[in-house]
Amino acid sequence: MKTKKLKKDKTILTDLRAIRDKISEELKGKTTEQIVEYLKKKKTLHPKSVWQ
């Protein structure tokens, strides 16, 4: 019986999970107001000027 080798390369999914874990650690234990301020200060992928 032959087995298939799995790719061990870094994928988009692993990148997204790493980003999610980082954000989760940064927001752990913060209040709602602190989270809102955190999100306002973070750089977004799409600036507001694009969406208006």
N, C-alpha and C. Protein backbone atom coordinates (compact mmCIF):
# COMPACT_ATOMS: atom_id res chain seq x y z
N MET A 1 0.84 -1.17 0.00
CA MET A 1 0.00 0.00 0.00
C MET A 1 0.89 1.25 0.00
N LYS A 2 0.63 2.14 -0.92
CA LYS A 2 1.41 3.37 -1.02
C LYS A 2 0.72 4.49 -0.25
N THR A 3 1.53 5.35 0.31
CA THR A 3 0.98 6.52 1.00
C THR A 3 1.39 7.78 0.26
N LYS A 4 0.53 8.75 0.32
CA LYS A 4 0.81 10.02 -0.32
C LYS A 4 1.57 10.93 0.64
N LYS A 5 2.53 11.65 0.09
CA LYS A 5 3.25 12.62 0.91
C LYS A 5 2.45 13.91 0.94
N LEU A 6 2.33 14.48 2.13
CA LEU A 6 1.62 15.74 2.28
C LEU A 6 2.59 16.90 2.12
N LYS A 7 2.10 17.97 1.56
CA LYS A 7 2.92 19.16 1.43
C LYS A 7 3.16 19.78 2.80
N LYS A 8 4.36 20.20 3.05
CA LYS A 8 4.69 20.83 4.32
C LYS A 8 4.92 22.32 4.13
N ASP A 9 4.58 22.85 2.96
CA ASP A 9 4.79 24.25 2.66
C ASP A 9 3.83 25.12 3.47
N LYS A 10 4.24 26.36 3.64
CA LYS A 10 3.40 27.31 4.32
C LYS A 10 2.28 27.74 3.36
N THR A 11 1.06 27.67 3.84
CA THR A 11 -0.08 28.01 2.98
C THR A 11 -0.75 29.27 3.51
N ILE A 12 -1.68 29.75 2.75
CA ILE A 12 -2.46 30.93 3.15
C ILE A 12 -3.23 30.63 4.43
N LEU A 13 -3.71 29.42 4.53
CA LEU A 13 -4.48 29.05 5.72
C LEU A 13 -3.63 29.14 6.97
N THR A 14 -2.39 28.68 6.91
CA THR A 14 -1.52 28.77 8.09
C THR A 14 -1.18 30.22 8.39
N ASP A 15 -1.04 31.05 7.36
CA ASP A 15 -0.79 32.48 7.58
C ASP A 15 -1.98 33.13 8.27
N LEU A 16 -3.18 32.82 7.81
CA LEU A 16 -4.38 33.39 8.41
C LEU A 16 -4.55 32.94 9.86
N ARG A 17 -4.24 31.71 10.14
CA ARG A 17 -4.33 31.22 11.52
C ARG A 17 -3.32 31.93 12.41
N ALA A 18 -2.13 32.18 11.89
CA ALA A 18 -1.11 32.89 12.67
C ALA A 18 -1.56 34.32 12.96
N ILE A 19 -2.15 34.98 11.97
CA ILE A 19 -2.66 36.34 12.17
C ILE A 19 -3.77 36.34 13.21
N ARG A 20 -4.67 35.38 13.09
CA ARG A 20 -5.78 35.27 14.04
C ARG A 20 -5.27 35.06 15.47
N ASP A 21 -4.28 34.20 15.63
CA ASP A 21 -3.72 33.93 16.95
C ASP A 21 -3.03 35.17 17.52
N LYS A 22 -2.33 35.92 16.67
CA LYS A 22 -1.65 37.13 17.12
C LYS A 22 -2.66 38.17 17.61
N ILE A 23 -3.72 38.37 16.84
CA ILE A 23 -4.75 39.34 17.22
C ILE A 23 -5.45 38.89 18.50
N SER A 24 -5.70 37.61 18.61
CA SER A 24 -6.35 37.07 19.79
C SER A 24 -5.52 37.33 21.04
N GLU A 25 -4.21 37.15 20.93
CA GLU A 25 -3.31 37.41 22.06
C GLU A 25 -3.31 38.89 22.43
N GLU A 26 -3.32 39.77 21.42
CA GLU A 26 -3.28 41.20 21.67
C GLU A 26 -4.58 41.70 22.32
N LEU A 27 -5.70 41.06 22.02
CA LEU A 27 -6.99 41.51 22.54
C LEU A 27 -7.41 40.81 23.83
N LYS A 28 -6.65 39.82 24.24
CA LYS A 28 -7.02 39.05 25.43
C LYS A 28 -7.06 39.96 26.67
N GLY A 29 -8.17 39.93 27.37
CA GLY A 29 -8.32 40.67 28.62
C GLY A 29 -8.65 42.14 28.46
N LYS A 30 -8.93 42.60 27.25
CA LYS A 30 -9.26 44.01 27.03
C LYS A 30 -10.76 44.23 27.10
N THR A 31 -11.12 45.43 27.48
CA THR A 31 -12.53 45.78 27.53
C THR A 31 -13.01 46.14 26.12
N THR A 32 -14.32 46.29 25.97
CA THR A 32 -14.89 46.63 24.67
C THR A 32 -14.34 47.95 24.16
N GLU A 33 -14.23 48.94 25.05
CA GLU A 33 -13.72 50.25 24.65
C GLU A 33 -12.27 50.14 24.19
N GLN A 34 -11.47 49.34 24.87
CA GLN A 34 -10.07 49.16 24.48
C GLN A 34 -9.96 48.46 23.13
N ILE A 35 -10.84 47.51 22.87
CA ILE A 35 -10.84 46.81 21.58
C ILE A 35 -11.20 47.77 20.46
N VAL A 36 -12.19 48.64 20.69
CA VAL A 36 -12.58 49.61 19.68
C VAL A 36 -11.41 50.54 19.37
N GLU A 37 -10.70 51.02 20.38
CA GLU A 37 -9.54 51.88 20.17
C GLU A 37 -8.44 51.14 19.43
N TYR A 38 -8.24 49.88 19.77
CA TYR A 38 -7.23 49.05 19.10
C TYR A 38 -7.54 48.94 17.61
N LEU A 39 -8.80 48.68 17.28
CA LEU A 39 -9.19 48.53 15.89
C LEU A 39 -9.11 49.85 15.12
N LYS A 40 -9.38 50.96 15.78
CA LYS A 40 -9.26 52.27 15.12
C LYS A 40 -7.81 52.59 14.78
N LYS A 41 -6.88 52.16 15.62
CA LYS A 41 -5.46 52.47 15.42
C LYS A 41 -4.79 51.54 14.42
N LYS A 42 -5.35 50.34 14.22
CA LYS A 42 -4.74 49.37 13.30
C LYS A 42 -4.88 49.82 11.86
N LYS A 43 -3.84 49.56 11.09
CA LYS A 43 -3.87 49.87 9.67
C LYS A 43 -4.75 48.83 8.99
N THR A 44 -5.63 49.29 8.10
CA THR A 44 -6.53 48.38 7.41
C THR A 44 -6.01 48.06 6.02
N LEU A 45 -6.50 47.00 5.46
CA LEU A 45 -6.12 46.63 4.11
C LEU A 45 -6.77 47.55 3.09
N HIS A 46 -7.97 48.03 3.41
CA HIS A 46 -8.71 48.90 2.51
C HIS A 46 -9.02 50.20 3.24
N PRO A 47 -8.36 51.30 2.90
CA PRO A 47 -8.63 52.58 3.57
C PRO A 47 -10.08 53.00 3.39
N LYS A 48 -10.55 53.81 4.34
CA LYS A 48 -11.93 54.27 4.28
C LYS A 48 -12.22 55.05 3.01
N SER A 49 -11.22 55.75 2.49
CA SER A 49 -11.43 56.56 1.28
C SER A 49 -11.83 55.68 0.09
N VAL A 50 -11.42 54.45 0.09
CA VAL A 50 -11.78 53.53 -1.01
C VAL A 50 -13.26 53.17 -0.91
N TRP A 51 -13.78 53.06 0.29
CA TRP A 51 -15.15 52.58 0.49
C TRP A 51 -16.18 53.71 0.50
N GLN A 52 -15.74 54.96 0.47
CA GLN A 52 -16.71 56.06 0.52
C GLN A 52 -16.96 56.63 -0.84
